Amino acid sequence: MPTRFLTALPVYNEEQHVAAVLDEVSRYSPEVLVVDDGSSDRTPEILAARSDVQLARHERNRGYGAALNTAFEFARREKYDVVVTIDCDGQHEPQRIPRFVTACTGNVDIVSGSRYLKHYPGDSEPPAQRLWVNQRVTAELNRRLQLNLTDAFCGFKAYRVEALQHLKIDEAGYAMPLQVWVQVAAAGLHVIELPVPLIYLDEKRSFGGVLDDAATRLEYYHLVIDRSIAAELARGRTFAACANAGESLG
């Protein structure tokens, strides 16, 4: 039976990119959900004019993690087999959606994009501070959780919807992927990585407030990892190695 999948995009003030990104996503995904996380620019107007996507809207900005959690709840409720998440800032290539869906079958629970598995012609030079933070956090997750990841923060992913029952996400902000990795490790889910191009269209994109400082952001990420690990241990879960966690497909 063909896999029924949904592509979900968290959106916040993306009036510059949202129309072009959705035009391209709709070419590769028959069902698309946009979670508008309280946009205050022209994004709601642009989305309201489209008939080819489903919409969910937060009345106020609740954060990247909260927007993805809304998408997960929608995918579970509507009984999709796979949900693909892709950012709406033009830094992911929608033509790769079918490959992510195809890879998220059988015993694979999560397919995670990695910008560091393979070099593509035209790859961007990553901002030094962002690369430093990503490398530090990825190494910490691998060490503490027995993972084998190369990119802890890529937003291009495919999740087997049935596996979402193991995730209880309450981290609303940009550290949400770290809570996911902790819960993935505790549940022993099967993760693979797929290479994706490294594209930065806005190297000065803000994380919001004090998180624009790399050292402060790193400290926040450490706190989220600590808190998430403590929560899993309190639930009686352990951190045996994930099944083939971080296995990569070229």
C-alpha atoms as a PDB file:
ATOM      1  CA  MET A   1       0.000   0.000   0.000  1.00  0.00           C
ATOM      2  CA  PRO A   2       1.454   3.432  -0.893  1.00  0.00           C
ATOM      3  CA  THR A   3       2.761   5.537   1.961  1.00  0.00           C
ATOM      4  CA  ARG A   4       0.441   8.399   2.846  1.00  0.00           C
ATOM      5  CA  PHE A   5       2.604  11.302   3.883  1.00  0.00           C
ATOM      6  CA  LEU A   6       2.261  14.902   4.941  1.00  0.00           C
ATOM      7  CA  THR A   7       4.828  17.663   4.519  1.00  0.00           C
ATOM      8  CA  ALA A   8       4.639  20.186   7.358  1.00  0.00           C
ATOM      9  CA  LEU A   9       6.246  23.623   7.433  1.00  0.00           C
ATOM     10  CA  PRO A  10       6.522  25.807  10.542  1.00  0.00           C
ATOM     11  CA  VAL A  11       6.252  29.432   9.446  1.00  0.00           C
ATOM     12  CA  TYR A  12       6.882  32.698  11.257  1.00  0.00           C
ATOM     13  CA  ASN A  13       7.090  35.996   9.357  1.00  0.00           C
ATOM     14  CA  GLU A  14       8.226  34.429   6.076  1.00  0.00           C
ATOM     15  CA  GLU A  15       6.496  36.744   3.607  1.00  0.00           C
ATOM     16  CA  GLN A  16       9.646  36.844   1.450  1.00  0.00           C
ATOM     17  CA  HIS A  17       9.910  33.088   0.983  1.00  0.00           C
ATOM     18  CA  VAL A  18       6.629  31.371   1.781  1.00  0.00           C
ATOM     19  CA  ALA A  19       4.927  31.572  -1.637  1.00  0.00           C
ATOM     20  CA  ALA A  20       7.910  30.321  -3.627  1.00  0.00           C
ATOM     21  CA  VAL A  21       8.696  27.573  -1.100  1.00  0.00           C
ATOM     22  CA  LEU A  22       5.102  26.310  -1.067  1.00  0.00           C
ATOM     23  CA  ASP A  23       4.934  26.358  -4.868  1.00  0.00           C
ATOM     24  CA  GLU A  24       7.933  24.031  -4.910  1.00  0.00           C
ATOM     25  CA  VAL A  25       6.848  21.828  -1.973  1.00  0.00           C
ATOM     26  CA  SER A  26       3.456  21.248  -3.615  1.00  0.00           C
ATOM     27  CA  ARG A  27       5.218  19.751  -6.652  1.00  0.00           C
ATOM     28  CA  TYR A  28       6.616  16.929  -4.522  1.00  0.00           C
ATOM     29  CA  SER A  29       4.038  16.480  -1.769  1.00  0.00           C
ATOM     30  CA  PRO A  30       0.317  15.998  -2.453  1.00  0.00           C
ATOM     31  CA  GLU A  31      -0.606  17.011   1.102  1.00  0.00           C
ATOM     32  CA  VAL A  32       0.945  20.042   2.809  1.00  0.00           C
ATOM     33  CA  LEU A  33       0.336  21.584   6.218  1.00  0.00           C
ATOM     34  CA  VAL A  34       1.563  25.067   7.121  1.00  0.00           C
ATOM     35  CA  VAL A  35       1.700  25.940  10.813  1.00  0.00           C
ATOM     36  CA  ASP A  36       1.672  29.730  11.009  1.00  0.00           C
ATOM     37  CA  ASP A  37       3.225  30.483  14.377  1.00  0.00           C
ATOM     38  CA  GLY A  38       1.605  33.857  14.976  1.00  0.00           C
ATOM     39  CA  SER A  39       3.095  35.730  12.012  1.00  0.00           C
ATOM     40  CA  SER A  40       2.665  39.506  12.132  1.00  0.00           C
ATOM     41  CA  ASP A  41       3.778  40.328   8.569  1.00  0.00           C
ATOM     42  CA  ARG A  42       1.952  39.486   5.315  1.00  0.00           C
ATOM     43  CA  THR A  43       2.399  35.730   5.783  1.00  0.00           C
ATOM     44  CA  PRO A  44      -1.228  35.096   6.942  1.00  0.00           C
ATOM     45  CA  GLU A  45      -2.563  37.036   3.949  1.00  0.00           C
ATOM     46  CA  ILE A  46      -0.392  35.053   1.531  1.00  0.00           C
ATOM     47  CA  LEU A  47      -1.436  31.754   3.090  1.00  0.00           C
ATOM     48  CA  ALA A  48      -5.132  32.654   3.074  1.00  0.00           C
ATOM     49  CA  ALA A  49      -4.978  33.117  -0.691  1.00  0.00           C
ATOM     50  CA  ARG A  50      -3.836  29.530  -1.277  1.00  0.00           C
ATOM     51  CA  SER A  51      -6.155  26.574  -1.757  1.00  0.00           C
ATOM     52  CA  ASP A  52      -3.452  23.915  -2.106  1.00  0.00           C
ATOM     53  CA  VAL A  53      -2.322  23.728   1.535  1.00  0.00           C
ATOM     54  CA  GLN A  54      -3.899  23.014   4.899  1.00  0.00           C
ATOM     55  CA  LEU A  55      -3.426  25.653   7.569  1.00  0.00           C
ATOM     56  CA  ALA A  56      -3.025  25.670  11.326  1.00  0.00           C
ATOM     57  CA  ARG A  57      -2.458  28.977  13.082  1.00  0.00           C
ATOM     58  CA  HIS A  58      -1.185  29.958  16.503  1.00  0.00           C
ATOM     59  CA  GLU A  59      -2.730  33.258  17.548  1.00  0.00           C
ATOM     60  CA  ARG A  60       0.556  34.265  19.141  1.00  0.00           C
ATOM     61  CA  ASN A  61       4.136  33.278  18.453  1.00  0.00           C
ATOM     62  CA  ARG A  62       4.802  30.147  20.526  1.00  0.00           C
ATOM     63  CA  GLY A  63       8.097  28.983  19.052  1.00  0.00           C
ATOM     64  CA  TYR A  64       9.613  26.588  16.531  1.00  0.00           C
ATOM     65  CA  GLY A  65       9.147  23.529  18.726  1.00  0.00           C
ATOM     66  CA  ALA A  66       5.531  24.371  19.453  1.00  0.00           C
ATOM     67  CA  ALA A  67       4.822  24.734  15.729  1.00  0.00           C
ATOM     68  CA  LEU A  68       6.321  21.317  14.989  1.00  0.00           C
ATOM     69  CA  ASN A  69       4.379  19.795  17.862  1.00  0.00           C
ATOM     70  CA  THR A  70       1.177  21.121  16.287  1.00  0.00           C
ATOM     71  CA  ALA A  71       2.213  19.420  13.036  1.00  0.00           C
ATOM     72  CA  PHE A  72       2.878  16.140  14.862  1.00  0.00           C
ATOM     73  CA  GLU A  73      -0.528  16.265  16.530  1.00  0.00           C
ATOM     74  CA  PHE A  74      -2.181  16.915  13.161  1.00  0.00           C
ATOM     75  CA  ALA A  75      -0.329  13.997  11.526  1.00  0.00           C
ATOM     76  CA  ARG A  76      -1.363  11.618  14.309  1.00  0.00           C
ATOM     77  CA  ARG A  77      -4.967  12.788  14.295  1.00  0.00           C
ATOM     78  CA  GLU A  78      -5.286  12.461  10.524  1.00  0.00           C
ATOM     79  CA  LYS A  79      -3.525   9.074  10.532  1.00  0.00           C
ATOM     80  CA  TYR A  80      -0.692   9.770   8.105  1.00  0.00           C
ATOM     81  CA  ASP A  81       2.053   7.171   7.777  1.00  0.00           C
ATOM     82  CA  VAL A  82       4.932   9.666   7.555  1.00  0.00           C
ATOM     83  CA  VAL A  83       5.300  13.360   8.289  1.00  0.00           C
ATOM     84  CA  VAL A  84       8.122  15.300   6.631  1.00  0.00           C
ATOM     85  CA  THR A  85       9.240  18.564   8.227  1.00  0.00           C
ATOM     86  CA  ILE A  86      10.910  21.214   6.116  1.00  0.00           C
ATOM     87  CA  ASP A  87      11.756  24.825   6.903  1.00  0.00           C
ATOM     88  CA  CYS A  88      10.191  27.696   4.991  1.00  0.00           C
ATOM     89  CA  ASP A  89      13.223  29.948   4.641  1.00  0.00           C
ATOM     90  CA  GLY A  90      14.355  28.562   1.286  1.00  0.00           C
ATOM     91  CA  GLN A  91      17.316  26.680   2.758  1.00  0.00           C
ATOM     92  CA  HIS A  92      15.923  23.189   2.113  1.00  0.00           C
ATOM     93  CA  GLU A  93      15.310  21.644  -1.304  1.00  0.00           C
ATOM     94  CA  PRO A  94      11.753  20.278  -1.632  1.00  0.00           C
ATOM     95  CA  GLN A  95      12.726  17.924  -4.474  1.00  0.00           C
ATOM     96  CA  ARG A  96      14.366  15.760  -1.810  1.00  0.00           C
ATOM     97  CA  ILE A  97      11.048  15.123  -0.020  1.00  0.00           C
ATOM     98  CA  PRO A  98      10.261  11.861  -1.891  1.00  0.00           C
ATOM     99  CA  ARG A  99      13.632  10.376  -0.972  1.00  0.00           C
ATOM    100  CA  PHE A 100      13.067  11.155   2.702  1.00  0.00           C
ATOM    101  CA  VAL A 101       9.660   9.464   2.530  1.00  0.00           C
ATOM    102  CA  THR A 102      11.060   6.406   0.761  1.00  0.00           C
ATOM    103  CA  ALA A 103      13.814   6.083   3.373  1.00  0.00           C
ATOM    104  CA  CYS A 104      11.322   6.320   6.250  1.00  0.00           C
ATOM    105  CA  THR A 105       9.907   2.842   5.805  1.00  0.00           C
ATOM    106  CA  GLY A 106      10.287  -0.561   7.383  1.00  0.00           C
ATOM    107  CA  ASN A 107      12.009  -0.292  10.741  1.00  0.00           C
ATOM    108  CA  VAL A 108      13.272   3.270  10.211  1.00  0.00           C
ATOM    109  CA  ASP A 109      11.606   5.681  12.628  1.00  0.00           C
ATOM    110  CA  ILE A 110      13.300   8.970  11.737  1.00  0.00           C
ATOM    111  CA  VAL A 111      15.225  10.128   8.679  1.00  0.00           C
ATOM    112  CA  SER A 112      17.256  13.205   9.572  1.00  0.00           C
ATOM    113  CA  GLY A 113      18.943  15.490   7.076  1.00  0.00           C
ATOM    114  CA  SER A 114      22.637  16.205   7.519  1.00  0.00           C
ATOM    115  CA  ARG A 115      24.464  19.123   5.972  1.00  0.00           C
ATOM    116  CA  TYR A 116      27.827  17.605   6.834  1.00  0.00           C
ATOM    117  CA  LEU A 117      27.663  14.073   5.407  1.00  0.00           C
ATOM    118  CA  LYS A 118      28.453  15.091   1.855  1.00  0.00           C
ATOM    119  CA  HIS A 119      29.804  18.135   0.041  1.00  0.00           C
ATOM    120  CA  TYR A 120      27.640  19.458  -2.783  1.00  0.00           C
ATOM    121  CA  PRO A 121      28.810  21.909  -5.457  1.00  0.00           C
ATOM    122  CA  GLY A 122      27.745  25.376  -4.400  1.00  0.00           C
ATOM    123  CA  ASP A 123      27.483  24.558  -0.684  1.00  0.00           C
ATOM    124  CA  SER A 124      27.489  27.648   1.514  1.00  0.00           C
ATOM    125  CA  GLU A 125      30.246  28.362   3.981  1.00  0.00           C
ATOM    126  CA  PRO A 126      28.489  27.923   7.338  1.00  0.00           C
ATOM    127  CA  PRO A 127      28.621  30.883   9.735  1.00  0.00           C
ATOM    128  CA  ALA A 128      31.497  30.104  12.093  1.00  0.00           C
ATOM    129  CA  GLN A 129      29.536  30.497  15.321  1.00  0.00           C
ATOM    130  CA  ARG A 130      26.646  28.341  14.111  1.00  0.00           C
ATOM    131  CA  LEU A 131      29.015  25.609  12.983  1.00  0.00           C
ATOM    132  CA  TRP A 132      30.831  25.752  16.320  1.00  0.00           C
ATOM    133  CA  VAL A 133      27.597  25.431  18.298  1.00  0.00           C
ATOM    134  CA  ASN A 134      26.313  22.612  16.075  1.00  0.00           C
ATOM    135  CA  GLN A 135      29.553  20.665  16.385  1.00  0.00           C
ATOM    136  CA  ARG A 136      29.700  21.074  20.157  1.00  0.00           C
ATOM    137  CA  VAL A 137      26.081  20.054  20.691  1.00  0.00           C
ATOM    138  CA  THR A 138      26.225  17.155  18.228  1.00  0.00           C
ATOM    139  CA  ALA A 139      29.341  15.807  19.961  1.00  0.00           C
ATOM    140  CA  GLU A 140      27.679  16.114  23.373  1.00  0.00           C
ATOM    141  CA  LEU A 141      24.578  14.229  22.218  1.00  0.00           C
ATOM    142  CA  ASN A 142      26.691  11.480  20.690  1.00  0.00           C
ATOM    143  CA  ARG A 143      28.769  11.128  23.849  1.00  0.00           C
ATOM    144  CA  ARG A 144      25.946  11.216  26.367  1.00  0.00           C
ATOM    145  CA  LEU A 145      23.291   9.319  24.422  1.00  0.00           C
ATOM    146  CA  GLN A 146      25.381   6.832  22.425  1.00  0.00           C
ATOM    147  CA  LEU A 147      24.224   8.366  19.170  1.00  0.00           C
ATOM    148  CA  ASN A 148      26.238   8.740  15.987  1.00  0.00           C
ATOM    149  CA  LEU A 149      24.849  11.933  14.496  1.00  0.00           C
ATOM    150  CA  THR A 150      26.636  14.388  12.238  1.00  0.00           C
ATOM    151  CA  ASP A 151      24.063  17.222  12.339  1.00  0.00           C
ATOM    152  CA  ALA A 152      21.922  17.779  15.438  1.00  0.00           C
ATOM    153  CA  PHE A 153      19.931  20.714  14.097  1.00  0.00           C
ATOM    154  CA  CYS A 154      18.856  20.085  10.506  1.00  0.00           C
ATOM    155  CA  GLY A 155      15.120  20.772  10.249  1.00  0.00           C
ATOM    156  CA  PHE A 156      14.620  18.553   7.187  1.00  0.00           C
ATOM    157  CA  LYS A 157      13.333  15.276   8.619  1.00  0.00           C
ATOM    158  CA  ALA A 158      10.860  12.476   8.049  1.00  0.00           C
ATOM    159  CA  TYR A 159       9.143  10.825  11.012  1.00  0.00           C
ATOM    160  CA  ARG A 160       7.200   7.582  11.010  1.00  0.00           C
ATOM    161  CA  VAL A 161       3.970   8.812  12.560  1.00  0.00           C
ATOM    162  CA  GLU A 162       3.523   5.668  14.639  1.00  0.00           C
ATOM    163  CA  ALA A 163       6.889   6.384  16.276  1.00  0.00           C
ATOM    164  CA  LEU A 164       5.722   9.831  17.404  1.00  0.00           C
ATOM    165  CA  GLN A 165       3.936   8.162  20.310  1.00  0.00           C
ATOM    166  CA  HIS A 166       7.380   7.859  21.933  1.00  0.00           C
ATOM    167  CA  LEU A 167       7.936  11.630  21.811  1.00  0.00           C
ATOM    168  CA  LYS A 168       6.414  13.934  24.428  1.00  0.00           C
ATOM    169  CA  ILE A 169       7.693  17.294  23.259  1.00  0.00           C
ATOM    170  CA  ASP A 170       7.191  20.344  25.451  1.00  0.00           C
ATOM    171  CA  GLU A 171      10.277  22.364  24.475  1.00  0.00           C
ATOM    172  CA  ALA A 172       8.708  25.216  22.518  1.00  0.00           C
ATOM    173  CA  GLY A 173      11.769  26.951  21.121  1.00  0.00           C
ATOM    174  CA  TYR A 174      14.771  26.250  18.909  1.00  0.00           C
ATOM    175  CA  ALA A 175      16.126  23.646  21.361  1.00  0.00           C
ATOM    176  CA  MET A 176      13.224  21.323  20.563  1.00  0.00           C
ATOM    177  CA  PRO A 177      15.435  19.030  18.379  1.00  0.00           C
ATOM    178  CA  LEU A 178      17.602  18.317  21.431  1.00  0.00           C
ATOM    179  CA  GLN A 179      14.622  17.088  23.413  1.00  0.00           C
ATOM    180  CA  VAL A 180      13.714  14.934  20.417  1.00  0.00           C
ATOM    181  CA  TRP A 181      17.175  13.340  20.335  1.00  0.00           C
ATOM    182  CA  VAL A 182      17.084  12.587  24.060  1.00  0.00           C
ATOM    183  CA  GLN A 183      13.692  10.915  23.743  1.00  0.00           C
ATOM    184  CA  VAL A 184      14.747   9.080  20.594  1.00  0.00           C
ATOM    185  CA  ALA A 185      17.723   7.626  22.456  1.00  0.00           C
ATOM    186  CA  ALA A 186      15.641   6.687  25.486  1.00  0.00           C
ATOM    187  CA  ALA A 187      13.061   4.932  23.284  1.00  0.00           C
ATOM    188  CA  GLY A 188      15.698   3.156  21.172  1.00  0.00           C
ATOM    189  CA  LEU A 189      14.272   4.437  17.904  1.00  0.00           C
ATOM    190  CA  HIS A 190      15.974   3.679  14.603  1.00  0.00           C
ATOM    191  CA  VAL A 191      17.490   6.801  13.032  1.00  0.00           C
ATOM    192  CA  ILE A 192      19.275   7.266   9.732  1.00  0.00           C
ATOM    193  CA  GLU A 193      20.752  10.406   8.193  1.00  0.00           C
ATOM    194  CA  LEU A 194      20.498  11.558   4.594  1.00  0.00           C
ATOM    195  CA  PRO A 195      22.845  14.177   3.154  1.00  0.00           C
ATOM    196  CA  VAL A 196      21.379  17.518   2.092  1.00  0.00           C
ATOM    197  CA  PRO A 197      23.104  20.598   0.662  1.00  0.00           C
ATOM    198  CA  LEU A 198      24.391  23.232   3.055  1.00  0.00           C
ATOM    199  CA  ILE A 199      22.459  26.392   2.151  1.00  0.00           C
ATOM    200  CA  TYR A 200      22.488  29.661   4.089  1.00  0.00           C
ATOM    201  CA  LEU A 201      20.422  32.469   2.554  1.00  0.00           C
ATOM    202  CA  ASP A 202      20.435  34.661   5.654  1.00  0.00           C
ATOM    203  CA  GLU A 203      23.531  34.195   7.770  1.00  0.00           C
ATOM    204  CA  LYS A 204      22.357  36.856  10.226  1.00  0.00           C
ATOM    205  CA  ARG A 205      18.973  35.277  10.884  1.00  0.00           C
ATOM    206  CA  SER A 206      18.003  35.892  14.497  1.00  0.00           C
ATOM    207  CA  PHE A 207      17.313  33.238  17.114  1.00  0.00           C
ATOM    208  CA  GLY A 208      15.626  35.907  19.216  1.00  0.00           C
ATOM    209  CA  GLY A 209      16.922  38.020  22.092  1.00  0.00           C
ATOM    210  CA  VAL A 210      19.877  36.722  24.099  1.00  0.00           C
ATOM    211  CA  LEU A 211      20.049  33.523  22.011  1.00  0.00           C
ATOM    212  CA  ASP A 212      21.755  35.450  19.220  1.00  0.00           C
ATOM    213  CA  ASP A 213      24.882  35.221  21.380  1.00  0.00           C
ATOM    214  CA  ALA A 214      26.526  31.880  20.579  1.00  0.00           C
ATOM    215  CA  ALA A 215      27.833  31.226  24.095  1.00  0.00           C
ATOM    216  CA  THR A 216      24.441  31.976  25.647  1.00  0.00           C
ATOM    217  CA  ARG A 217      22.739  29.750  23.094  1.00  0.00           C
ATOM    218  CA  LEU A 218      25.156  26.917  23.809  1.00  0.00           C
ATOM    219  CA  GLU A 219      24.534  27.219  27.553  1.00  0.00           C
ATOM    220  CA  TYR A 220      20.772  27.094  26.913  1.00  0.00           C
ATOM    221  CA  TYR A 221      21.190  23.977  24.782  1.00  0.00           C
ATOM    222  CA  HIS A 222      23.198  22.281  27.547  1.00  0.00           C
ATOM    223  CA  LEU A 223      20.426  23.057  30.023  1.00  0.00           C
ATOM    224  CA  VAL A 224      17.775  21.590  27.722  1.00  0.00           C
ATOM    225  CA  ILE A 225      19.796  18.392  27.252  1.00  0.00           C
ATOM    226  CA  ASP A 226      20.315  18.058  31.024  1.00  0.00           C
ATOM    227  CA  ARG A 227      16.652  18.698  31.748  1.00  0.00           C
ATOM    228  CA  SER A 228      15.475  16.276  29.067  1.00  0.00           C
ATOM    229  CA  ILE A 229      17.786  13.488  30.244  1.00  0.00           C
ATOM    230  CA  ALA A 230      16.635  13.985  33.835  1.00  0.00           C
ATOM    231  CA  ALA A 231      13.000  13.779  32.733  1.00  0.00           C
ATOM    232  CA  GLU A 232      13.572  10.514  30.874  1.00  0.00           C
ATOM    233  CA  LEU A 233      15.423   8.982  33.821  1.00  0.00           C
ATOM    234  CA  ALA A 234      12.549  10.015  36.088  1.00  0.00           C
ATOM    235  CA  ARG A 235      10.203   8.115  33.768  1.00  0.00           C
ATOM    236  CA  GLY A 236      12.345   5.017  34.237  1.00  0.00           C
ATOM    237  CA  ARG A 237      13.819   5.081  30.742  1.00  0.00           C
ATOM    238  CA  THR A 238      17.468   4.289  30.070  1.00  0.00           C
ATOM    239  CA  PHE A 239      19.858   5.280  27.329  1.00  0.00           C
ATOM    240  CA  ALA A 240      20.859   2.141  25.501  1.00  0.00           C
ATOM    241  CA  ALA A 241      22.147   2.885  22.014  1.00  0.00           C
ATOM    242  CA  CYS A 242      19.511   3.576  19.382  1.00  0.00           C
ATOM    243  CA  ALA A 243      19.180   0.952  16.691  1.00  0.00           C
ATOM    244  CA  ASN A 244      21.710   1.982  14.022  1.00  0.00           C
ATOM    245  CA  ALA A 245      21.411   5.571  15.232  1.00  0.00           C
ATOM    246  CA  GLY A 246      23.125   7.895  12.836  1.00  0.00           C
ATOM    247  CA  GLU A 247      23.514   5.324  10.042  1.00  0.00           C
ATOM    248  CA  SER A 248      23.949   7.353   6.891  1.00  0.00           C
ATOM    249  CA  LEU A 249      22.752   6.872   3.347  1.00  0.00           C
ATOM    250  CA  GLY A 250      24.768   8.611   0.656  1.00  0.00           C
END
